[in-house]
N, C-alpha and C. Protein backbone atom coordinates (compact mmCIF):
# COMPACT_ATOMS: atom_id res chain seq x y z
N MET A 1 142.81 171.02 -140.44
CA MET A 1 141.95 171.15 -139.28
C MET A 1 142.58 172.19 -138.35
N LYS A 2 141.81 173.17 -137.98
CA LYS A 2 142.29 174.23 -137.10
C LYS A 2 141.70 174.06 -135.70
N LEU A 3 142.50 174.35 -134.71
CA LEU A 3 142.03 174.35 -133.33
C LEU A 3 141.24 175.62 -133.11
N LEU A 4 139.97 175.48 -132.71
CA LEU A 4 139.11 176.64 -132.50
C LEU A 4 139.03 177.04 -131.03
N GLN A 5 139.08 176.06 -130.15
CA GLN A 5 139.04 176.35 -128.71
C GLN A 5 139.57 175.15 -127.94
N SER A 6 140.20 175.44 -126.81
CA SER A 6 140.67 174.39 -125.91
C SER A 6 140.47 174.88 -124.49
N LEU A 7 139.81 174.08 -123.69
CA LEU A 7 139.56 174.42 -122.29
C LEU A 7 139.91 173.24 -121.40
N HIS A 8 140.47 173.51 -120.25
CA HIS A 8 140.79 172.44 -119.31
C HIS A 8 139.51 171.97 -118.63
N LYS A 9 139.43 170.68 -118.37
CA LYS A 9 138.23 170.07 -117.78
C LYS A 9 137.85 170.68 -116.44
N ASP A 10 138.81 171.24 -115.70
CA ASP A 10 138.52 171.82 -114.40
C ASP A 10 137.95 173.23 -114.48
N GLN A 11 137.96 173.82 -115.66
CA GLN A 11 137.37 175.14 -115.82
C GLN A 11 135.85 174.99 -115.73
N PRO A 12 135.19 175.79 -114.91
CA PRO A 12 133.74 175.66 -114.77
C PRO A 12 133.03 175.82 -116.12
N GLY A 13 132.17 174.86 -116.43
CA GLY A 13 131.38 174.92 -117.66
C GLY A 13 132.14 174.61 -118.93
N ALA A 14 133.31 173.99 -118.82
CA ALA A 14 134.15 173.75 -120.00
C ALA A 14 133.42 172.94 -121.07
N ALA A 15 132.79 171.85 -120.69
CA ALA A 15 132.12 171.00 -121.68
C ALA A 15 131.00 171.75 -122.38
N ALA A 16 130.22 172.53 -121.65
CA ALA A 16 129.12 173.30 -122.25
C ALA A 16 129.68 174.38 -123.18
N GLN A 17 130.77 175.02 -122.80
CA GLN A 17 131.37 176.04 -123.66
C GLN A 17 131.90 175.43 -124.95
N ILE A 18 132.48 174.24 -124.85
CA ILE A 18 132.99 173.55 -126.03
C ILE A 18 131.84 173.21 -126.97
N ALA A 19 130.74 172.71 -126.42
CA ALA A 19 129.57 172.37 -127.24
C ALA A 19 129.02 173.62 -127.93
N ALA A 20 128.94 174.73 -127.21
CA ALA A 20 128.44 175.98 -127.79
C ALA A 20 129.37 176.48 -128.90
N THR A 21 130.68 176.37 -128.69
CA THR A 21 131.63 176.79 -129.71
C THR A 21 131.48 175.95 -130.97
N ALA A 22 131.28 174.64 -130.80
CA ALA A 22 131.09 173.76 -131.96
C ALA A 22 129.84 174.15 -132.72
N ASP A 23 128.75 174.44 -132.02
CA ASP A 23 127.51 174.87 -132.69
C ASP A 23 127.73 176.18 -133.44
N ASP A 24 128.40 177.13 -132.79
CA ASP A 24 128.68 178.42 -133.43
C ASP A 24 129.54 178.24 -134.67
N ALA A 25 130.53 177.38 -134.60
CA ALA A 25 131.41 177.15 -135.74
C ALA A 25 130.63 176.59 -136.93
N ARG A 26 129.74 175.66 -136.67
CA ARG A 26 128.91 175.11 -137.75
C ARG A 26 128.04 176.20 -138.36
N THR A 27 127.46 177.04 -137.52
CA THR A 27 126.61 178.13 -138.00
C THR A 27 127.41 179.11 -138.86
N LEU A 28 128.65 179.34 -138.52
CA LEU A 28 129.50 180.27 -139.26
C LEU A 28 130.08 179.68 -140.54
N GLY A 29 129.83 178.40 -140.81
CA GLY A 29 130.28 177.79 -142.05
C GLY A 29 131.49 176.90 -141.96
N PHE A 30 131.97 176.64 -140.74
CA PHE A 30 133.09 175.70 -140.61
C PHE A 30 132.61 174.30 -140.98
N GLU A 31 133.48 173.53 -141.57
CA GLU A 31 133.19 172.14 -141.93
C GLU A 31 134.03 171.21 -141.06
N ASN A 32 133.62 169.96 -141.01
CA ASN A 32 134.35 168.93 -140.26
C ASN A 32 134.57 169.34 -138.81
N VAL A 33 133.57 170.00 -138.23
CA VAL A 33 133.68 170.44 -136.84
C VAL A 33 133.60 169.21 -135.94
N ALA A 34 134.52 169.13 -135.00
CA ALA A 34 134.54 167.98 -134.09
C ALA A 34 134.99 168.43 -132.70
N THR A 35 134.45 167.77 -131.70
CA THR A 35 134.89 168.01 -130.33
C THR A 35 135.68 166.80 -129.88
N HIS A 36 136.65 167.04 -129.05
CA HIS A 36 137.54 165.98 -128.57
C HIS A 36 137.80 166.17 -127.08
N TYR A 37 138.10 165.09 -126.42
CA TYR A 37 138.58 165.16 -125.05
C TYR A 37 139.92 164.46 -125.01
N GLU A 38 140.91 165.14 -124.50
CA GLU A 38 142.27 164.59 -124.41
C GLU A 38 142.51 164.14 -122.97
N PRO A 39 142.35 162.86 -122.66
CA PRO A 39 142.49 162.40 -121.28
C PRO A 39 143.86 162.68 -120.66
N GLN A 40 144.90 162.64 -121.47
CA GLN A 40 146.26 162.84 -120.91
C GLN A 40 146.48 164.27 -120.42
N THR A 41 145.83 165.24 -121.09
CA THR A 41 146.03 166.64 -120.70
C THR A 41 144.83 167.21 -119.95
N GLY A 42 143.68 166.53 -120.06
CA GLY A 42 142.46 167.02 -119.42
C GLY A 42 141.81 168.15 -120.17
N HIS A 43 142.10 168.29 -121.47
CA HIS A 43 141.53 169.38 -122.26
C HIS A 43 140.42 168.90 -123.18
N HIS A 44 139.35 169.72 -123.22
CA HIS A 44 138.30 169.58 -124.23
C HIS A 44 138.70 170.52 -125.37
N THR A 45 138.57 170.07 -126.62
CA THR A 45 138.91 170.92 -127.75
C THR A 45 137.83 170.87 -128.82
N VAL A 46 137.82 171.92 -129.65
CA VAL A 46 136.97 171.97 -130.85
C VAL A 46 137.89 172.23 -132.02
N THR A 47 137.73 171.46 -133.09
CA THR A 47 138.50 171.69 -134.31
C THR A 47 137.53 171.80 -135.48
N GLY A 48 138.00 172.40 -136.56
CA GLY A 48 137.18 172.52 -137.76
C GLY A 48 137.96 173.15 -138.89
N ASP A 49 137.37 173.08 -140.09
CA ASP A 49 137.97 173.66 -141.29
C ASP A 49 137.08 174.78 -141.78
N LEU A 50 137.68 175.90 -142.20
CA LEU A 50 136.94 176.99 -142.80
C LEU A 50 137.27 177.01 -144.28
N PRO A 51 136.30 176.62 -145.13
CA PRO A 51 136.56 176.59 -146.57
C PRO A 51 136.91 177.98 -147.10
N ALA A 52 137.72 178.03 -148.13
CA ALA A 52 138.17 179.30 -148.70
C ALA A 52 136.99 180.17 -149.12
N ALA A 53 135.96 179.57 -149.72
CA ALA A 53 134.80 180.35 -150.16
C ALA A 53 134.10 181.01 -148.99
N THR A 54 133.97 180.30 -147.88
CA THR A 54 133.34 180.86 -146.69
C THR A 54 134.20 181.97 -146.11
N ALA A 55 135.50 181.76 -146.09
CA ALA A 55 136.42 182.78 -145.59
C ALA A 55 136.32 184.04 -146.44
N GLN A 56 136.24 183.88 -147.76
CA GLN A 56 136.13 185.05 -148.65
C GLN A 56 134.82 185.79 -148.43
N ARG A 57 133.72 185.06 -148.25
CA ARG A 57 132.43 185.72 -147.96
C ARG A 57 132.50 186.50 -146.66
N THR A 58 133.19 185.96 -145.67
CA THR A 58 133.34 186.65 -144.39
C THR A 58 134.14 187.94 -144.56
N VAL A 59 135.22 187.88 -145.30
CA VAL A 59 136.02 189.08 -145.57
C VAL A 59 135.20 190.10 -146.34
N ASP A 60 134.47 189.66 -147.35
CA ASP A 60 133.64 190.56 -148.14
C ASP A 60 132.59 191.25 -147.27
N ARG A 61 131.99 190.51 -146.36
CA ARG A 61 130.98 191.07 -145.46
C ARG A 61 131.61 192.12 -144.54
N ILE A 62 132.80 191.83 -144.02
CA ILE A 62 133.48 192.77 -143.14
C ILE A 62 133.82 194.06 -143.89
N LEU A 63 134.25 193.91 -145.14
CA LEU A 63 134.66 195.06 -145.93
C LEU A 63 133.50 195.74 -146.64
N GLY A 64 132.30 195.21 -146.49
CA GLY A 64 131.12 195.81 -147.10
C GLY A 64 131.03 195.61 -148.60
N ARG A 65 131.60 194.51 -149.10
CA ARG A 65 131.54 194.22 -150.55
C ARG A 65 130.37 193.33 -150.87
C-alpha cells in the first residue's frame, strides 16, 4: 500500500481534496484505494496499490508504445 496524499485537517478543503484524490486514483487504475483519518496527527490520507500491469500500461502510454 502506497501513500498517495496526506493533508492536515486544518488545511482548507482537506477532506474534499482527499476524496477527489481517491476518485482520481481509482480512475487511474489503483486498487485497494482507501481514505483514512489519523486522529493523533490530524491528517487525512489516501492509500492504494498500483498493479504492475497498470504501471506498465502507463509507462507504455508515456513512451508512445
